[in-house]
Amino acid sequence: MTDDDLPPLHPTPPGFYRHYKGGWYEVLDTVRCSETLQGMTLYRALYGGWGLWVRPAAMFAEVGVFEGREQPRFTRHEEATVPLEILDAAKRAPAAPAPPAV
């Protein structure tokens, strides 16, 4: 299979997002699952151990009924509107590992 044979990715724009429960995250990229070829959003928590996570891109972008009201699962925020303590946390977060050299 070549890249031309792959289904299109629907990227999640990189940036800062807030989860409907209140946590802040930084989207790093949109990647593909090697088993299903499904587009996945790669993102980092901006708290705790700054864990890296993936979630199906469609699920990341979905609007649903959460906590009794219809709302997006994640809401993108322009950097100018992100609280300074969150931006500081993003700067302290470890860099995502670089892909291995081929």
Foldseek 3Di string as FASTA:
>chain_A
DDPVPADDADKDDFAWKAFPVGWIKTFDIWDADPPPRFIWTWIFTLDDLRDIDIDGPCLQADWDQDPRRTDHRIDGDDPVPDDPVSVVSVVVHDDDDDDDDD
